[in-house]
Amino acid sequence: MEAGSPFQRYLDSGLETFGIEADEMERAVMAGVWSIWEPDMNLLRDADLDGVEHELNADLSAAPPA
């Protein structure tokens, strides 16, 4: 992971904000997980969701209806 990458800056600031100390192995695991999720997160960010109906009163603790 590059020292100046956006994820690295986000990670550093988040850990600092919450006072969490993470060694290099823990940081490497977090960076690895992000590398798996990043492509799909970018697709979700760029998705055109204007035509999607809002789900009112969604119960996020329940499974979606079949």
C-alpha atoms as a PDB file:
ATOM      1  CA  MET A   1       0.000   0.000   0.000  1.00  0.00           C
ATOM      2  CA  GLU A   2       1.381   3.365  -0.967  1.00  0.00           C
ATOM      3  CA  ALA A   3       2.059   5.692   1.946  1.00  0.00           C
ATOM      4  CA  GLY A   4       0.116   8.564   0.352  1.00  0.00           C
ATOM      5  CA  SER A   5      -2.802   6.603  -1.110  1.00  0.00           C
ATOM      6  CA  PRO A   6      -6.316   7.817  -0.281  1.00  0.00           C
ATOM      7  CA  PHE A   7      -7.056   4.597   1.623  1.00  0.00           C
ATOM      8  CA  GLN A   8      -3.855   4.881   3.645  1.00  0.00           C
ATOM      9  CA  ARG A   9      -4.678   8.472   4.610  1.00  0.00           C
ATOM     10  CA  TYR A  10      -8.249   7.445   5.516  1.00  0.00           C
ATOM     11  CA  LEU A  11      -6.964   4.522   7.581  1.00  0.00           C
ATOM     12  CA  ASP A  12      -4.386   6.624   9.391  1.00  0.00           C
ATOM     13  CA  SER A  13      -6.882   9.354  10.247  1.00  0.00           C
ATOM     14  CA  GLY A  14      -9.538   6.859  11.375  1.00  0.00           C
ATOM     15  CA  LEU A  15      -7.126   5.012  13.633  1.00  0.00           C
ATOM     16  CA  GLU A  16      -5.869   8.302  15.053  1.00  0.00           C
ATOM     17  CA  THR A  17      -9.392   9.619  15.641  1.00  0.00           C
ATOM     18  CA  PHE A  18     -10.379   6.570  17.674  1.00  0.00           C
ATOM     19  CA  GLY A  19      -7.002   6.189  19.369  1.00  0.00           C
ATOM     20  CA  ILE A  20      -6.401   2.733  17.918  1.00  0.00           C
ATOM     21  CA  GLU A  21      -2.864   1.487  17.581  1.00  0.00           C
ATOM     22  CA  ALA A  22      -2.375  -0.960  14.711  1.00  0.00           C
ATOM     23  CA  ASP A  23       0.865  -2.681  13.811  1.00  0.00           C
ATOM     24  CA  GLU A  24       2.044  -3.233  10.249  1.00  0.00           C
ATOM     25  CA  MET A  25       0.402  -6.687  10.037  1.00  0.00           C
ATOM     26  CA  GLU A  26      -3.001  -5.306  11.078  1.00  0.00           C
ATOM     27  CA  ARG A  27      -2.650  -2.445   8.599  1.00  0.00           C
ATOM     28  CA  ALA A  28      -1.723  -4.930   5.858  1.00  0.00           C
ATOM     29  CA  VAL A  29      -4.862  -6.961   6.593  1.00  0.00           C
ATOM     30  CA  MET A  30      -7.033  -3.825   6.422  1.00  0.00           C
ATOM     31  CA  ALA A  31      -5.392  -2.815   3.139  1.00  0.00           C
ATOM     32  CA  GLY A  32      -5.926  -6.330   1.760  1.00  0.00           C
ATOM     33  CA  VAL A  33      -9.598  -6.317   2.650  1.00  0.00           C
ATOM     34  CA  TRP A  34     -10.019  -2.891   1.069  1.00  0.00           C
ATOM     35  CA  SER A  35      -8.318  -4.096  -2.136  1.00  0.00           C
ATOM     36  CA  ILE A  36     -11.005  -6.790  -2.391  1.00  0.00           C
ATOM     37  CA  TRP A  37     -13.921  -4.408  -1.734  1.00  0.00           C
ATOM     38  CA  GLU A  38     -12.672  -1.321  -3.583  1.00  0.00           C
ATOM     39  CA  PRO A  39     -13.734  -2.253  -7.152  1.00  0.00           C
ATOM     40  CA  ASP A  40     -17.330  -2.973  -6.103  1.00  0.00           C
ATOM     41  CA  MET A  41     -17.473   0.121  -3.890  1.00  0.00           C
ATOM     42  CA  ASN A  42     -16.421   2.209  -6.899  1.00  0.00           C
ATOM     43  CA  LEU A  43     -19.143   0.568  -9.035  1.00  0.00           C
ATOM     44  CA  LEU A  44     -21.731   1.325  -6.354  1.00  0.00           C
ATOM     45  CA  ARG A  45     -20.538   4.927  -6.080  1.00  0.00           C
ATOM     46  CA  ASP A  46     -20.789   5.394  -9.846  1.00  0.00           C
ATOM     47  CA  ALA A  47     -24.118   3.560 -10.299  1.00  0.00           C
ATOM     48  CA  ASP A  48     -27.055   5.558 -11.638  1.00  0.00           C
ATOM     49  CA  LEU A  49     -29.697   4.925  -8.990  1.00  0.00           C
ATOM     50  CA  ASP A  50     -32.059   7.740  -9.955  1.00  0.00           C
ATOM     51  CA  GLY A  51     -34.714   5.321 -11.227  1.00  0.00           C
ATOM     52  CA  VAL A  52     -34.660   3.071  -8.160  1.00  0.00           C
ATOM     53  CA  GLU A  53     -37.657   3.402  -5.870  1.00  0.00           C
ATOM     54  CA  HIS A  54     -36.891   4.301  -2.260  1.00  0.00           C
ATOM     55  CA  GLU A  55     -37.693   1.591   0.256  1.00  0.00           C
ATOM     56  CA  LEU A  56     -39.745   3.271   2.961  1.00  0.00           C
ATOM     57  CA  ASN A  57     -39.619   1.974   6.530  1.00  0.00           C
ATOM     58  CA  ALA A  58     -37.009  -0.627   5.667  1.00  0.00           C
ATOM     59  CA  ASP A  59     -36.339  -3.192   8.397  1.00  0.00           C
ATOM     60  CA  LEU A  60     -32.596  -3.732   7.992  1.00  0.00           C
ATOM     61  CA  SER A  61     -32.648  -6.495  10.618  1.00  0.00           C
ATOM     62  CA  ALA A  62     -34.933  -8.675   8.447  1.00  0.00           C
ATOM     63  CA  ALA A  63     -34.121 -10.625   5.314  1.00  0.00           C
ATOM     64  CA  PRO A  64     -35.340  -9.018   2.073  1.00  0.00           C
ATOM     65  CA  PRO A  65     -38.688 -10.304   0.781  1.00  0.00           C
ATOM     66  CA  ALA A  66     -38.372 -13.108  -1.744  1.00  0.00           C
END
